[in-house]
Amino acid sequence: MKHLSLAMLIAAALALVGCNTVKGVGQDIQKAGSVIEGAAKK
């Protein structure tokens, strides 16, 4: 039972880290798009 609880805790931690990473990549892409859009307007 302890092994199952530990495995579930590790899986949950990895899922949270993965979500934050994907969110960060999305924000970086959005910022890059804004910079390109601003350059195109000039």
N, C-alpha and C. Protein backbone atom coordinates (compact mmCIF):
# COMPACT_ATOMS: atom_id res chain seq x y z
N MET A 1 0.82 -1.19 0.00
CA MET A 1 0.00 0.00 0.00
C MET A 1 0.87 1.27 0.00
N LYS A 2 1.98 1.21 0.73
CA LYS A 2 2.87 2.38 0.79
C LYS A 2 3.46 2.67 -0.58
N HIS A 3 3.81 1.62 -1.33
CA HIS A 3 4.40 1.80 -2.65
C HIS A 3 3.41 2.44 -3.61
N LEU A 4 2.15 2.03 -3.50
CA LEU A 4 1.11 2.59 -4.37
C LEU A 4 0.90 4.07 -4.06
N SER A 5 0.87 4.42 -2.79
CA SER A 5 0.70 5.82 -2.39
C SER A 5 1.87 6.68 -2.87
N LEU A 6 3.06 6.15 -2.74
CA LEU A 6 4.26 6.87 -3.18
C LEU A 6 4.25 7.06 -4.69
N ALA A 7 3.86 6.01 -5.42
CA ALA A 7 3.81 6.11 -6.87
C ALA A 7 2.78 7.14 -7.31
N MET A 8 1.64 7.16 -6.65
CA MET A 8 0.59 8.13 -7.00
C MET A 8 1.05 9.56 -6.68
N LEU A 9 1.75 9.74 -5.59
CA LEU A 9 2.27 11.06 -5.22
C LEU A 9 3.29 11.55 -6.24
N ILE A 10 4.17 10.68 -6.66
CA ILE A 10 5.17 11.04 -7.67
C ILE A 10 4.50 11.36 -9.00
N ALA A 11 3.51 10.56 -9.39
CA ALA A 11 2.79 10.81 -10.65
C ALA A 11 2.08 12.16 -10.62
N ALA A 12 1.47 12.49 -9.49
CA ALA A 12 0.78 13.77 -9.36
C ALA A 12 1.77 14.93 -9.44
N ALA A 13 2.92 14.79 -8.81
CA ALA A 13 3.94 15.84 -8.85
C ALA A 13 4.45 16.05 -10.27
N LEU A 14 4.68 14.96 -10.99
CA LEU A 14 5.15 15.08 -12.38
C LEU A 14 4.09 15.71 -13.27
N ALA A 15 2.83 15.40 -13.04
CA ALA A 15 1.75 15.99 -13.83
C ALA A 15 1.69 17.49 -13.60
N LEU A 16 1.84 17.92 -12.35
CA LEU A 16 1.80 19.36 -12.06
C LEU A 16 2.98 20.08 -12.69
N VAL A 17 4.15 19.49 -12.62
CA VAL A 17 5.34 20.10 -13.23
C VAL A 17 5.16 20.18 -14.75
N GLY A 18 4.63 19.14 -15.35
CA GLY A 18 4.40 19.12 -16.79
C GLY A 18 3.43 20.21 -17.22
N CYS A 19 2.37 20.41 -16.45
CA CYS A 19 1.39 21.44 -16.79
C CYS A 19 2.03 22.82 -16.74
N ASN A 20 2.83 23.07 -15.72
CA ASN A 20 3.48 24.37 -15.60
C ASN A 20 4.45 24.59 -16.75
N THR A 21 5.13 23.56 -17.18
CA THR A 21 6.08 23.68 -18.28
C THR A 21 5.35 24.01 -19.58
N VAL A 22 4.27 23.32 -19.86
CA VAL A 22 3.49 23.58 -21.07
C VAL A 22 2.92 24.99 -21.04
N LYS A 23 2.44 25.41 -19.88
CA LYS A 23 1.89 26.76 -19.74
C LYS A 23 2.98 27.81 -20.01
N GLY A 24 4.17 27.58 -19.50
CA GLY A 24 5.28 28.50 -19.71
C GLY A 24 5.68 28.59 -21.17
N VAL A 25 5.69 27.47 -21.86
CA VAL A 25 6.03 27.47 -23.29
C VAL A 25 4.97 28.26 -24.05
N GLY A 26 3.71 28.07 -23.70
CA GLY A 26 2.63 28.81 -24.35
C GLY A 26 2.78 30.31 -24.15
N GLN A 27 3.16 30.72 -22.97
CA GLN A 27 3.36 32.15 -22.70
C GLN A 27 4.53 32.69 -23.49
N ASP A 28 5.60 31.93 -23.60
CA ASP A 28 6.76 32.36 -24.38
C ASP A 28 6.40 32.54 -25.85
N ILE A 29 5.63 31.61 -26.39
CA ILE A 29 5.22 31.70 -27.79
C ILE A 29 4.32 32.91 -27.99
N GLN A 30 3.45 33.18 -27.03
CA GLN A 30 2.55 34.34 -27.13
C GLN A 30 3.36 35.64 -27.12
N LYS A 31 4.37 35.72 -26.27
CA LYS A 31 5.21 36.92 -26.21
C LYS A 31 5.97 37.11 -27.52
N ALA A 32 6.49 36.01 -28.06
CA ALA A 32 7.22 36.10 -29.33
C ALA A 32 6.28 36.56 -30.44
N GLY A 33 5.07 36.07 -30.44
CA GLY A 33 4.08 36.50 -31.44
C GLY A 33 3.78 37.98 -31.33
N SER A 34 3.70 38.49 -30.11
CA SER A 34 3.44 39.92 -29.90
C SER A 34 4.59 40.76 -30.44
N VAL A 35 5.82 40.30 -30.23
CA VAL A 35 6.99 41.03 -30.72
C VAL A 35 6.98 41.04 -32.25
N ILE A 36 6.68 39.92 -32.86
CA ILE A 36 6.64 39.84 -34.33
C ILE A 36 5.53 40.73 -34.87
N GLU A 37 4.39 40.71 -34.20
CA GLU A 37 3.26 41.55 -34.63
C GLU A 37 3.63 43.04 -34.54
N GLY A 38 4.30 43.41 -33.47
CA GLY A 38 4.72 44.80 -33.31
C GLY A 38 5.71 45.21 -34.38
N ALA A 39 6.62 44.33 -34.73
CA ALA A 39 7.61 44.62 -35.77
C ALA A 39 6.92 44.74 -37.14
N ALA A 40 5.91 43.95 -37.37
CA ALA A 40 5.20 43.97 -38.65
C ALA A 40 4.41 45.27 -38.83
N LYS A 41 3.95 45.84 -37.72
CA LYS A 41 3.17 47.08 -37.79
C LYS A 41 4.03 48.29 -38.12
N LYS A 42 5.35 48.21 -37.89
CA LYS A 42 6.25 49.32 -38.15
C LYS A 42 6.49 49.44 -39.58
